[in-house]
């Protein structure tokens, strides 16, 4: 029987080590890679084609939500389990909309991580107890799950927004995303227009409030 292959993505090494130890102690599971940010997680997922990605949300360069969206688009057999420190109704709605199979708070990981992985492996979902009511409310009010979020930005614009909010210049954004500087600046202009923002400080504050970027 083939091993159940898991990719771990978290920007904290000590967290990755702890998760790896738990995963590797379970018969039939193996860790096929570790990523320290969302972009590396995307690259490794495309290369290794894991069965499951354990994905933190608040990571630099590409946050977990955007990484999940792109991983699921390019690796259709891979499942996503979100493992994070914080949650909000908006984040839970967006994770459901992306197609992740579960949501687990890190504070519950010691008790529930194995249970959560087993659920996803068995083609079921798992949601940590604190967000269960949000999930139920979403099913009872499906329009809530479909609400436009983040100013109707495109996936590329969300990537640019995160990088700008993390302090990167247009040139650095262009290098990170393999774009021309002119294209990066065009994305920046479009983002600020769509969100009705007028400075980089406003843009950064917006990204922090919406969980697109974090202060590290």
N, C-alpha and C. Protein backbone atom coordinates (compact mmCIF):
# COMPACT_ATOMS: atom_id res chain seq x y z
N UNK A 1 0.84 -1.19 0.00
CA UNK A 1 0.00 0.00 0.00
C UNK A 1 0.88 1.25 0.00
N UNK A 2 0.62 2.19 -0.89
CA UNK A 2 1.43 3.39 -0.99
C UNK A 2 1.24 4.28 0.23
N UNK A 3 2.33 4.94 0.62
CA UNK A 3 2.27 5.85 1.76
C UNK A 3 1.43 7.07 1.41
N UNK A 4 0.81 7.65 2.41
CA UNK A 4 0.06 8.90 2.25
C UNK A 4 1.07 10.03 2.40
N UNK A 5 1.27 10.80 1.33
CA UNK A 5 2.36 11.75 1.25
C UNK A 5 1.88 13.16 1.62
N UNK A 6 2.60 13.78 2.55
CA UNK A 6 2.18 15.07 3.12
C UNK A 6 3.28 16.10 2.96
N UNK A 7 2.90 17.28 2.49
CA UNK A 7 3.80 18.43 2.40
C UNK A 7 3.45 19.41 3.51
N UNK A 8 4.45 19.87 4.24
CA UNK A 8 4.26 20.79 5.36
C UNK A 8 4.72 22.18 4.94
N UNK A 9 3.87 23.18 5.10
CA UNK A 9 4.22 24.55 4.75
C UNK A 9 3.95 25.48 5.93
N UNK A 10 5.01 25.99 6.52
CA UNK A 10 4.91 26.92 7.64
C UNK A 10 6.21 27.71 7.70
N UNK A 11 6.13 28.99 8.02
CA UNK A 11 7.34 29.81 8.01
C UNK A 11 8.16 29.68 9.30
N UNK A 12 7.70 28.89 10.25
CA UNK A 12 8.45 28.68 11.49
C UNK A 12 9.03 27.26 11.51
N UNK A 13 10.34 27.18 11.58
CA UNK A 13 11.00 25.87 11.53
C UNK A 13 10.58 24.97 12.67
N UNK A 14 10.43 25.53 13.87
CA UNK A 14 10.08 24.71 15.01
C UNK A 14 8.70 24.09 14.83
N UNK A 15 7.78 24.81 14.18
CA UNK A 15 6.45 24.27 13.90
C UNK A 15 6.57 23.13 12.89
N UNK A 16 7.35 23.35 11.85
CA UNK A 16 7.52 22.28 10.84
C UNK A 16 8.09 21.03 11.47
N UNK A 17 9.07 21.20 12.35
CA UNK A 17 9.68 20.03 13.00
C UNK A 17 8.66 19.28 13.85
N UNK A 18 7.83 20.03 14.58
CA UNK A 18 6.83 19.37 15.42
C UNK A 18 5.81 18.61 14.60
N UNK A 19 5.36 19.23 13.51
CA UNK A 19 4.39 18.57 12.65
C UNK A 19 5.01 17.34 12.00
N UNK A 20 6.24 17.49 11.53
CA UNK A 20 6.93 16.34 10.90
C UNK A 20 7.01 15.16 11.87
N UNK A 21 7.35 15.43 13.12
CA UNK A 21 7.47 14.35 14.10
C UNK A 21 6.13 13.64 14.29
N UNK A 22 5.05 14.40 14.34
CA UNK A 22 3.72 13.80 14.50
C UNK A 22 3.33 12.99 13.29
N UNK A 23 3.60 13.53 12.10
CA UNK A 23 3.23 12.82 10.87
C UNK A 23 4.02 11.53 10.73
N UNK A 24 5.33 11.62 10.96
CA UNK A 24 6.18 10.45 10.72
C UNK A 24 6.01 9.36 11.77
N UNK A 25 5.36 9.70 12.89
CA UNK A 25 5.09 8.67 13.90
C UNK A 25 3.84 7.87 13.57
N UNK A 26 3.10 8.31 12.54
CA UNK A 26 1.86 7.63 12.17
C UNK A 26 2.13 6.62 11.06
N UNK A 27 1.76 5.37 11.25
CA UNK A 27 2.00 4.36 10.21
C UNK A 27 1.32 4.73 8.89
N UNK A 28 2.06 4.61 7.81
CA UNK A 28 1.48 4.83 6.49
C UNK A 28 1.55 6.27 6.00
N UNK A 29 2.08 7.17 6.83
CA UNK A 29 2.23 8.56 6.41
C UNK A 29 3.70 8.90 6.24
N UNK A 30 4.00 9.78 5.30
CA UNK A 30 5.36 10.26 5.16
C UNK A 30 5.36 11.74 4.75
N UNK A 31 6.38 12.45 5.15
CA UNK A 31 6.55 13.85 4.77
C UNK A 31 7.37 13.88 3.48
N UNK A 32 6.79 14.46 2.43
CA UNK A 32 7.49 14.50 1.14
C UNK A 32 8.15 15.84 0.88
N UNK A 33 8.05 16.78 1.83
CA UNK A 33 8.71 18.06 1.65
C UNK A 33 8.27 19.06 2.70
N UNK A 34 9.09 20.10 2.86
CA UNK A 34 8.78 21.20 3.77
C UNK A 34 8.99 22.51 3.03
N UNK A 35 8.10 23.47 3.27
CA UNK A 35 8.19 24.79 2.64
C UNK A 35 8.10 25.86 3.71
N UNK A 36 8.87 26.94 3.52
CA UNK A 36 8.90 28.01 4.52
C UNK A 36 8.03 29.20 4.13
N UNK A 37 7.47 29.19 2.91
CA UNK A 37 6.52 30.23 2.52
C UNK A 37 5.59 29.67 1.45
N UNK A 38 4.59 30.45 1.10
CA UNK A 38 3.58 29.96 0.18
C UNK A 38 4.10 29.69 -1.22
N UNK A 39 5.04 30.50 -1.67
CA UNK A 39 5.56 30.30 -3.03
C UNK A 39 6.36 29.00 -3.12
N UNK A 40 7.15 28.73 -2.08
CA UNK A 40 7.89 27.47 -2.06
C UNK A 40 6.94 26.29 -1.95
N UNK A 41 5.85 26.45 -1.19
CA UNK A 41 4.85 25.39 -1.08
C UNK A 41 4.24 25.08 -2.43
N UNK A 42 3.94 26.12 -3.20
CA UNK A 42 3.37 25.93 -4.53
C UNK A 42 4.33 25.19 -5.43
N UNK A 43 5.60 25.59 -5.42
CA UNK A 43 6.60 24.94 -6.27
C UNK A 43 6.79 23.48 -5.89
N UNK A 44 6.88 23.20 -4.57
CA UNK A 44 7.07 21.83 -4.12
C UNK A 44 5.83 20.97 -4.41
N UNK A 45 4.65 21.55 -4.27
CA UNK A 45 3.43 20.79 -4.55
C UNK A 45 3.38 20.39 -6.02
N UNK A 46 3.73 21.31 -6.89
CA UNK A 46 3.73 21.00 -8.32
C UNK A 46 4.76 19.94 -8.67
N UNK A 47 5.86 19.93 -7.93
CA UNK A 47 6.92 18.97 -8.19
C UNK A 47 6.63 17.60 -7.57
N UNK A 48 6.22 17.60 -6.30
CA UNK A 48 6.06 16.34 -5.56
C UNK A 48 4.68 15.72 -5.67
N UNK A 49 3.66 16.52 -6.03
CA UNK A 49 2.28 16.05 -6.11
C UNK A 49 1.86 15.29 -4.86
N UNK A 50 1.90 15.94 -3.69
CA UNK A 50 1.53 15.26 -2.44
C UNK A 50 0.04 14.96 -2.39
N UNK A 51 -0.32 14.04 -1.51
CA UNK A 51 -1.74 13.77 -1.28
C UNK A 51 -2.37 14.90 -0.47
N UNK A 52 -1.59 15.50 0.42
CA UNK A 52 -2.11 16.53 1.31
C UNK A 52 -1.05 17.60 1.55
N UNK A 53 -1.49 18.85 1.59
CA UNK A 53 -0.62 19.95 2.01
C UNK A 53 -1.18 20.52 3.30
N UNK A 54 -0.35 20.49 4.37
CA UNK A 54 -0.68 21.18 5.61
C UNK A 54 -0.16 22.59 5.47
N UNK A 55 -1.06 23.55 5.44
CA UNK A 55 -0.71 24.89 4.97
C UNK A 55 -1.05 25.96 6.00
N UNK A 56 -0.02 26.69 6.44
CA UNK A 56 -0.25 27.85 7.29
C UNK A 56 -0.80 28.99 6.44
N UNK A 57 -1.54 29.90 7.05
CA UNK A 57 -2.09 31.04 6.30
C UNK A 57 -1.11 32.21 6.27
N UNK A 58 -0.56 32.58 7.42
CA UNK A 58 0.25 33.79 7.50
C UNK A 58 1.70 33.56 7.16
N UNK A 59 2.00 33.41 5.88
CA UNK A 59 3.37 33.22 5.43
C UNK A 59 3.80 34.34 4.50
N UNK A 60 5.11 34.66 4.47
CA UNK A 60 5.59 35.73 3.58
C UNK A 60 5.61 35.29 2.13
N UNK A 61 5.77 36.29 1.26
CA UNK A 61 5.92 36.11 -0.20
C UNK A 61 4.63 35.69 -0.89
N UNK A 62 3.99 34.66 -0.38
CA UNK A 62 2.68 34.24 -0.88
C UNK A 62 1.94 33.63 0.30
N UNK A 63 0.82 34.23 0.70
CA UNK A 63 0.14 33.70 1.89
C UNK A 63 -0.54 32.37 1.59
N UNK A 64 -0.94 31.70 2.66
CA UNK A 64 -1.48 30.36 2.51
C UNK A 64 -2.74 30.27 1.71
N UNK A 65 -3.59 31.29 1.80
CA UNK A 65 -4.83 31.27 1.05
C UNK A 65 -4.58 31.31 -0.45
N UNK A 66 -3.67 32.19 -0.88
CA UNK A 66 -3.35 32.27 -2.31
C UNK A 66 -2.60 31.02 -2.76
N UNK A 67 -1.73 30.51 -1.90
CA UNK A 67 -1.03 29.28 -2.23
C UNK A 67 -2.02 28.12 -2.40
N UNK A 68 -3.00 28.04 -1.51
CA UNK A 68 -4.02 26.99 -1.61
C UNK A 68 -4.77 27.09 -2.92
N UNK A 69 -5.16 28.31 -3.28
CA UNK A 69 -5.90 28.52 -4.52
C UNK A 69 -5.10 28.01 -5.73
N UNK A 70 -3.82 28.33 -5.77
CA UNK A 70 -3.00 27.95 -6.92
C UNK A 70 -2.62 26.46 -6.90
N UNK A 71 -2.39 25.93 -5.71
CA UNK A 71 -2.09 24.50 -5.60
C UNK A 71 -3.27 23.66 -6.09
N UNK A 72 -4.47 24.01 -5.65
CA UNK A 72 -5.65 23.23 -6.04
C UNK A 72 -5.96 23.37 -7.52
N UNK A 73 -5.57 24.51 -8.11
CA UNK A 73 -5.81 24.70 -9.54
C UNK A 73 -4.85 23.86 -10.38
N UNK A 74 -3.64 23.64 -9.89
CA UNK A 74 -2.64 22.93 -10.70
C UNK A 74 -2.40 21.50 -10.25
N UNK A 75 -2.80 21.14 -9.05
CA UNK A 75 -2.61 19.78 -8.52
C UNK A 75 -3.97 19.25 -8.08
N UNK A 76 -4.75 18.80 -9.02
CA UNK A 76 -6.16 18.50 -8.75
C UNK A 76 -6.37 17.33 -7.79
N UNK A 77 -5.37 16.46 -7.63
CA UNK A 77 -5.51 15.32 -6.72
C UNK A 77 -5.05 15.65 -5.31
N UNK A 78 -4.47 16.82 -5.11
CA UNK A 78 -3.95 17.22 -3.80
C UNK A 78 -5.05 17.88 -2.96
N UNK A 79 -5.06 17.55 -1.68
CA UNK A 79 -6.00 18.17 -0.75
C UNK A 79 -5.27 19.17 0.14
N UNK A 80 -6.02 20.13 0.67
CA UNK A 80 -5.45 21.17 1.52
C UNK A 80 -6.08 21.12 2.91
N UNK A 81 -5.23 21.13 3.93
CA UNK A 81 -5.68 21.30 5.31
C UNK A 81 -5.00 22.55 5.87
N UNK A 82 -5.79 23.55 6.21
CA UNK A 82 -5.27 24.80 6.74
C UNK A 82 -4.94 24.63 8.23
N UNK A 83 -3.74 25.04 8.61
CA UNK A 83 -3.30 24.96 9.99
C UNK A 83 -2.76 26.33 10.38
N UNK A 84 -3.48 27.06 11.23
CA UNK A 84 -3.12 28.45 11.48
C UNK A 84 -3.37 28.85 12.93
N UNK A 85 -2.85 30.02 13.30
CA UNK A 85 -3.00 30.51 14.67
C UNK A 85 -4.30 31.27 14.89
N UNK A 86 -4.78 31.94 13.85
CA UNK A 86 -5.92 32.84 14.00
C UNK A 86 -7.02 32.49 12.99
N UNK A 87 -8.21 32.93 13.28
CA UNK A 87 -9.31 32.73 12.34
C UNK A 87 -10.27 33.89 12.44
N UNK A 88 -11.05 34.07 11.41
CA UNK A 88 -12.12 35.06 11.38
C UNK A 88 -13.20 34.52 10.46
N UNK A 89 -14.42 35.00 10.59
CA UNK A 89 -15.48 34.55 9.66
C UNK A 89 -15.10 34.75 8.20
N UNK A 90 -14.49 35.87 7.88
CA UNK A 90 -14.11 36.12 6.49
C UNK A 90 -13.09 35.09 6.01
N UNK A 91 -12.08 34.80 6.85
CA UNK A 91 -11.06 33.83 6.46
C UNK A 91 -11.66 32.46 6.25
N UNK A 92 -12.54 32.05 7.15
CA UNK A 92 -13.18 30.74 7.00
C UNK A 92 -14.00 30.68 5.71
N UNK A 93 -14.74 31.74 5.41
CA UNK A 93 -15.51 31.77 4.16
C UNK A 93 -14.59 31.62 2.95
N UNK A 94 -13.48 32.32 2.97
CA UNK A 94 -12.58 32.28 1.82
C UNK A 94 -11.91 30.92 1.69
N UNK A 95 -11.58 30.30 2.80
CA UNK A 95 -10.98 28.97 2.76
C UNK A 95 -11.97 27.96 2.19
N UNK A 96 -13.23 28.06 2.61
CA UNK A 96 -14.26 27.18 2.05
C UNK A 96 -14.42 27.41 0.55
N UNK A 97 -14.42 28.67 0.15
CA UNK A 97 -14.59 28.99 -1.26
C UNK A 97 -13.44 28.48 -2.10
N UNK A 98 -12.22 28.51 -1.55
CA UNK A 98 -11.05 28.02 -2.28
C UNK A 98 -11.15 26.52 -2.50
N UNK A 99 -11.67 25.79 -1.51
CA UNK A 99 -11.80 24.35 -1.66
C UNK A 99 -10.96 23.53 -0.70
N UNK A 100 -10.43 24.17 0.36
CA UNK A 100 -9.68 23.43 1.36
C UNK A 100 -10.60 22.43 2.06
N UNK A 101 -10.03 21.32 2.50
CA UNK A 101 -10.83 20.26 3.12
C UNK A 101 -10.95 20.40 4.62
N UNK A 102 -10.19 21.33 5.20
CA UNK A 102 -10.29 21.47 6.64
C UNK A 102 -9.57 22.69 7.15
N UNK A 103 -9.84 23.00 8.42
CA UNK A 103 -9.30 24.19 9.06
C UNK A 103 -9.01 23.82 10.51
N UNK A 104 -7.74 23.88 10.90
CA UNK A 104 -7.34 23.48 12.24
C UNK A 104 -6.51 24.59 12.87
N UNK A 105 -6.87 25.00 14.08
CA UNK A 105 -6.07 25.97 14.80
C UNK A 105 -4.83 25.29 15.38
N UNK A 106 -3.70 26.01 15.35
CA UNK A 106 -2.47 25.43 15.88
C UNK A 106 -2.61 25.10 17.36
N UNK A 107 -3.42 25.86 18.07
CA UNK A 107 -3.62 25.58 19.49
C UNK A 107 -4.30 24.24 19.73
N UNK A 108 -4.96 23.72 18.70
CA UNK A 108 -5.63 22.41 18.80
C UNK A 108 -4.84 21.28 18.15
N UNK A 109 -3.69 21.62 17.56
CA UNK A 109 -2.98 20.63 16.74
C UNK A 109 -2.51 19.43 17.55
N UNK A 110 -2.05 19.67 18.77
CA UNK A 110 -1.58 18.55 19.57
C UNK A 110 -2.65 17.51 19.80
N UNK A 111 -3.89 17.97 19.91
CA UNK A 111 -5.01 17.06 20.17
C UNK A 111 -5.65 16.54 18.88
N UNK A 112 -5.72 17.39 17.86
CA UNK A 112 -6.58 17.08 16.72
C UNK A 112 -5.88 16.89 15.38
N UNK A 113 -4.56 17.13 15.30
CA UNK A 113 -3.91 17.06 13.99
C UNK A 113 -4.06 15.68 13.34
N UNK A 114 -3.80 14.64 14.08
CA UNK A 114 -3.92 13.30 13.51
C UNK A 114 -5.36 13.02 13.08
N UNK A 115 -6.32 13.42 13.89
CA UNK A 115 -7.73 13.22 13.56
C UNK A 115 -8.08 13.98 12.28
N UNK A 116 -7.57 15.20 12.17
CA UNK A 116 -7.86 16.03 10.99
C UNK A 116 -7.29 15.40 9.73
N UNK A 117 -6.05 14.94 9.80
CA UNK A 117 -5.43 14.32 8.62
C UNK A 117 -6.17 13.04 8.25
N UNK A 118 -6.54 12.25 9.24
CA UNK A 118 -7.29 11.02 8.96
C UNK A 118 -8.61 11.34 8.28
N UNK A 119 -9.26 12.42 8.70
CA UNK A 119 -10.53 12.80 8.09
C UNK A 119 -10.33 13.14 6.61
N UNK A 120 -9.34 13.95 6.31
CA UNK A 120 -9.09 14.33 4.92
C UNK A 120 -8.67 13.12 4.10
N UNK A 121 -7.85 12.26 4.68
CA UNK A 121 -7.42 11.05 3.98
C UNK A 121 -8.61 10.16 3.63
N UNK A 122 -9.64 10.22 4.45
CA UNK A 122 -10.86 9.42 4.22
C UNK A 122 -11.90 10.19 3.41
N UNK A 123 -11.48 11.29 2.79
CA UNK A 123 -12.35 12.10 1.92
C UNK A 123 -13.48 12.76 2.70
N UNK A 124 -13.18 13.10 3.95
CA UNK A 124 -14.10 13.87 4.75
C UNK A 124 -13.48 15.24 5.05
N UNK A 125 -14.25 16.11 5.66
CA UNK A 125 -13.74 17.43 6.05
C UNK A 125 -13.50 17.46 7.56
N UNK A 126 -12.68 18.43 7.97
CA UNK A 126 -12.46 18.61 9.41
C UNK A 126 -12.34 20.10 9.68
N UNK A 127 -13.11 20.57 10.68
CA UNK A 127 -13.02 21.96 11.09
C UNK A 127 -12.89 22.01 12.60
N UNK A 128 -11.91 22.79 13.05
CA UNK A 128 -11.67 22.93 14.47
C UNK A 128 -12.94 23.46 15.16
N UNK A 129 -13.12 23.11 16.42
CA UNK A 129 -14.40 23.36 17.08
C UNK A 129 -14.80 24.83 17.08
N UNK A 130 -13.83 25.74 17.15
CA UNK A 130 -14.16 27.17 17.23
C UNK A 130 -14.79 27.72 15.95
N UNK A 131 -14.57 27.04 14.83
CA UNK A 131 -15.11 27.58 13.58
C UNK A 131 -16.29 26.76 13.05
N UNK A 132 -16.69 25.74 13.78
CA UNK A 132 -17.80 24.91 13.32
C UNK A 132 -19.06 25.72 13.08
N UNK A 133 -19.37 26.66 13.99
CA UNK A 133 -20.58 27.46 13.83
C UNK A 133 -20.51 28.34 12.59
N UNK A 134 -19.31 28.86 12.29
CA UNK A 134 -19.14 29.66 11.08
C UNK A 134 -19.44 28.82 9.85
N UNK A 135 -18.95 27.58 9.86
CA UNK A 135 -19.19 26.67 8.74
C UNK A 135 -20.68 26.38 8.59
N UNK A 136 -21.33 26.09 9.72
CA UNK A 136 -22.77 25.81 9.68
C UNK A 136 -23.53 27.02 9.16
N UNK A 137 -23.20 28.20 9.66
CA UNK A 137 -23.86 29.41 9.19
C UNK A 137 -23.67 29.61 7.70
N UNK A 138 -22.50 29.24 7.21
CA UNK A 138 -22.23 29.37 5.79
C UNK A 138 -23.12 28.48 4.95
N UNK A 139 -23.36 27.27 5.43
CA UNK A 139 -24.25 26.36 4.69
C UNK A 139 -25.70 26.81 4.78
N UNK A 140 -26.08 27.38 5.92
CA UNK A 140 -27.45 27.85 6.07
C UNK A 140 -27.69 29.14 5.30
N UNK A 141 -26.61 29.90 5.07
CA UNK A 141 -26.71 31.17 4.34
C UNK A 141 -25.66 31.17 3.23
N UNK A 142 -25.87 30.40 2.18
CA UNK A 142 -24.84 30.22 1.14
C UNK A 142 -24.41 31.51 0.47
N UNK A 143 -25.27 32.52 0.45
CA UNK A 143 -24.87 33.78 -0.17
C UNK A 143 -23.68 34.40 0.56
N UNK A 144 -23.55 34.08 1.85
CA UNK A 144 -22.43 34.62 2.61
C UNK A 144 -21.11 34.11 2.08
N UNK A 145 -21.09 32.86 1.58
CA UNK A 145 -19.86 32.28 1.06
C UNK A 145 -19.48 32.87 -0.28
N UNK A 146 -20.40 33.51 -0.94
CA UNK A 146 -20.15 34.00 -2.28
C UNK A 146 -19.90 35.50 -2.31
N UNK A 147 -19.83 36.13 -1.15
CA UNK A 147 -19.64 37.56 -1.12
C UNK A 147 -18.29 37.93 -1.73
N UNK A 148 -18.23 38.92 -2.58
CA UNK A 148 -16.95 39.36 -3.12
C UNK A 148 -16.04 39.79 -1.99
N UNK A 149 -14.77 39.43 -2.10
CA UNK A 149 -13.81 39.78 -1.07
C UNK A 149 -12.61 40.45 -1.68
N UNK A 150 -11.94 41.26 -0.86
CA UNK A 150 -10.69 41.86 -1.24
C UNK A 150 -10.78 42.70 -2.50
N UNK A 151 -11.89 43.41 -2.65
CA UNK A 151 -11.99 44.37 -3.73
C UNK A 151 -11.99 43.76 -5.12
N UNK A 152 -12.40 42.51 -5.25
CA UNK A 152 -12.42 41.84 -6.54
C UNK A 152 -11.07 41.88 -7.24
N UNK A 153 -10.01 41.73 -6.49
CA UNK A 153 -8.68 41.67 -7.07
C UNK A 153 -8.47 40.34 -7.77
N UNK A 154 -7.67 40.35 -8.82
CA UNK A 154 -7.30 39.12 -9.49
C UNK A 154 -6.27 38.38 -8.63
N UNK A 155 -6.04 37.08 -8.88
CA UNK A 155 -5.01 36.37 -8.12
C UNK A 155 -3.65 37.04 -8.22
N UNK A 156 -3.27 37.51 -9.40
CA UNK A 156 -1.97 38.18 -9.55
C UNK A 156 -1.93 39.47 -8.75
N UNK A 157 -3.03 40.22 -8.74
CA UNK A 157 -3.06 41.46 -7.97
C UNK A 157 -2.95 41.18 -6.48
N UNK A 158 -3.53 40.08 -6.01
CA UNK A 158 -3.41 39.74 -4.59
C UNK A 158 -1.96 39.40 -4.25
N UNK A 159 -1.26 38.73 -5.17
CA UNK A 159 0.16 38.44 -4.95
C UNK A 159 0.96 39.74 -4.86
N UNK A 160 0.71 40.64 -5.79
CA UNK A 160 1.43 41.92 -5.81
C UNK A 160 1.12 42.70 -4.54
N UNK A 161 -0.14 42.72 -4.14
CA UNK A 161 -0.54 43.44 -2.93
C UNK A 161 0.23 42.93 -1.73
N UNK A 162 0.33 41.63 -1.57
CA UNK A 162 1.05 41.09 -0.41
C UNK A 162 2.51 41.52 -0.43
N UNK A 163 3.15 41.41 -1.58
CA UNK A 163 4.57 41.76 -1.67
C UNK A 163 4.80 43.25 -1.39
N UNK A 164 3.93 44.10 -1.92
CA UNK A 164 4.05 45.53 -1.64
C UNK A 164 3.85 45.82 -0.16
N UNK A 165 2.88 45.16 0.44
CA UNK A 165 2.60 45.37 1.86
C UNK A 165 3.75 44.89 2.74
N UNK A 166 4.52 43.92 2.23
CA UNK A 166 5.68 43.42 2.97
C UNK A 166 6.91 44.30 2.76
N UNK A 167 6.74 45.41 2.03
CA UNK A 167 7.81 46.38 1.90
C UNK A 167 8.65 46.30 0.64
N UNK A 168 8.26 45.45 -0.30
CA UNK A 168 9.03 45.30 -1.53
C UNK A 168 8.73 46.45 -2.50
N UNK A 169 9.74 46.86 -3.24
CA UNK A 169 9.57 47.89 -4.26
C UNK A 169 8.96 47.25 -5.51
N UNK A 170 8.54 48.10 -6.45
CA UNK A 170 7.99 47.57 -7.71
C UNK A 170 9.01 46.70 -8.42
N UNK A 171 10.29 47.10 -8.38
CA UNK A 171 11.34 46.30 -9.02
C UNK A 171 11.47 44.94 -8.35
N UNK A 172 11.42 44.92 -7.01
CA UNK A 172 11.53 43.64 -6.29
C UNK A 172 10.31 42.77 -6.54
N UNK A 173 9.14 43.38 -6.64
CA UNK A 173 7.94 42.63 -6.99
C UNK A 173 8.09 42.01 -8.37
N UNK A 174 8.59 42.80 -9.31
CA UNK A 174 8.78 42.32 -10.68
C UNK A 174 9.71 41.11 -10.71
N UNK A 175 10.81 41.18 -9.95
CA UNK A 175 11.76 40.07 -9.92
C UNK A 175 11.12 38.84 -9.29
N UNK A 176 10.39 39.03 -8.17
CA UNK A 176 9.79 37.90 -7.46
C UNK A 176 8.75 37.18 -8.30
N UNK A 177 8.02 37.93 -9.13
CA UNK A 177 6.92 37.34 -9.91
C UNK A 177 7.26 37.18 -11.39
N UNK A 178 8.53 37.45 -11.74
CA UNK A 178 8.98 37.31 -13.13
C UNK A 178 8.16 38.19 -14.07
N UNK A 179 8.01 39.46 -13.67
CA UNK A 179 7.28 40.44 -14.46
C UNK A 179 8.23 41.56 -14.86
N UNK A 180 7.81 42.38 -15.80
CA UNK A 180 8.53 43.61 -16.07
C UNK A 180 8.18 44.62 -14.98
N UNK A 181 9.06 45.59 -14.75
CA UNK A 181 8.79 46.61 -13.75
C UNK A 181 7.53 47.39 -14.13
N UNK A 182 7.36 47.65 -15.42
CA UNK A 182 6.18 48.38 -15.88
C UNK A 182 4.90 47.62 -15.55
N UNK A 183 4.92 46.30 -15.75
CA UNK A 183 3.74 45.49 -15.44
C UNK A 183 3.46 45.50 -13.94
N UNK A 184 4.51 45.40 -13.12
CA UNK A 184 4.34 45.44 -11.68
C UNK A 184 3.74 46.77 -11.25
N UNK A 185 4.20 47.85 -11.85
CA UNK A 185 3.66 49.17 -11.51
C UNK A 185 2.20 49.32 -11.96
N UNK A 186 1.88 48.70 -13.09
CA UNK A 186 0.49 48.72 -13.57
C UNK A 186 -0.41 47.98 -12.59
N UNK A 187 0.05 46.83 -12.11
CA UNK A 187 -0.73 46.09 -11.11
C UNK A 187 -0.93 46.94 -9.85
N UNK A 188 0.13 47.61 -9.44
CA UNK A 188 0.04 48.46 -8.24
C UNK A 188 -1.00 49.56 -8.45
N UNK A 189 -0.98 50.19 -9.59
CA UNK A 189 -1.95 51.25 -9.89
C UNK A 189 -3.37 50.71 -9.88
N UNK A 190 -3.57 49.55 -10.51
CA UNK A 190 -4.90 48.95 -10.57
C UNK A 190 -5.42 48.55 -9.18
N UNK A 191 -4.51 48.02 -8.35
CA UNK A 191 -4.90 47.64 -6.99
C UNK A 191 -5.39 48.85 -6.21
N UNK A 192 -4.62 49.93 -6.28
CA UNK A 192 -4.98 51.13 -5.51
C UNK A 192 -6.27 51.75 -6.03
N UNK A 193 -6.48 51.65 -7.34
CA UNK A 193 -7.73 52.17 -7.91
C UNK A 193 -8.92 51.33 -7.45
N UNK A 194 -8.79 50.01 -7.54
CA UNK A 194 -9.90 49.13 -7.17
C UNK A 194 -10.27 49.26 -5.69
N UNK A 195 -9.25 49.44 -4.86
CA UNK A 195 -9.49 49.50 -3.42
C UNK A 195 -9.67 50.92 -2.91
N UNK A 196 -9.56 51.88 -3.80
CA UNK A 196 -9.68 53.29 -3.45
C UNK A 196 -8.67 53.66 -2.35
N UNK A 197 -7.43 53.25 -2.58
CA UNK A 197 -6.34 53.57 -1.66
C UNK A 197 -5.43 54.59 -2.34
N UNK A 198 -4.74 55.40 -1.52
CA UNK A 198 -4.01 56.52 -2.11
C UNK A 198 -2.54 56.59 -1.71
N UNK A 199 -2.07 55.61 -0.98
CA UNK A 199 -0.66 55.59 -0.60
C UNK A 199 -0.25 54.16 -0.27
N UNK A 200 1.05 53.93 -0.24
CA UNK A 200 1.55 52.61 0.14
C UNK A 200 1.19 52.30 1.59
N UNK A 201 1.16 53.33 2.43
CA UNK A 201 0.76 53.11 3.83
C UNK A 201 -0.69 52.61 3.91
N UNK A 202 -1.57 53.22 3.12
CA UNK A 202 -2.97 52.76 3.08
C UNK A 202 -3.04 51.32 2.59
N UNK A 203 -2.27 51.02 1.56
CA UNK A 203 -2.25 49.68 0.98
C UNK A 203 -1.77 48.66 2.01
N UNK A 204 -0.72 49.02 2.73
CA UNK A 204 -0.17 48.11 3.75
C UNK A 204 -1.18 47.87 4.87
N UNK A 205 -1.81 48.93 5.33
CA UNK A 205 -2.81 48.80 6.39
C UNK A 205 -3.97 47.92 5.94
N UNK A 206 -4.42 48.10 4.71
CA UNK A 206 -5.50 47.27 4.17
C UNK A 206 -5.09 45.80 4.17
N UNK A 207 -3.88 45.51 3.68
CA UNK A 207 -3.42 44.13 3.60
C UNK A 207 -3.31 43.49 4.97
N UNK A 208 -2.87 44.25 5.95
CA UNK A 208 -2.77 43.73 7.32
C UNK A 208 -4.14 43.46 7.91
N UNK A 209 -5.08 44.39 7.69
CA UNK A 209 -6.42 44.21 8.24
C UNK A 209 -7.14 43.02 7.63
N UNK A 210 -6.89 42.77 6.35
CA UNK A 210 -7.57 41.68 5.65
C UNK A 210 -6.84 40.35 5.76
N UNK A 211 -5.69 40.34 6.44
CA UNK A 211 -4.95 39.09 6.59
C UNK A 211 -4.19 38.68 5.35
N UNK A 212 -4.04 39.57 4.39
CA UNK A 212 -3.28 39.25 3.17
C UNK A 212 -1.80 39.22 3.47
N UNK A 213 -1.37 40.09 4.39
CA UNK A 213 0.02 40.13 4.82
C UNK A 213 0.05 40.24 6.33
N UNK A 214 1.19 39.88 6.91
CA UNK A 214 1.37 39.98 8.35
C UNK A 214 2.68 40.67 8.65
N UNK A 215 2.78 41.23 9.84
CA UNK A 215 4.03 41.82 10.29
C UNK A 215 4.84 40.70 10.94
N UNK A 216 6.04 40.47 10.43
CA UNK A 216 6.85 39.37 10.94
C UNK A 216 7.99 39.90 11.81
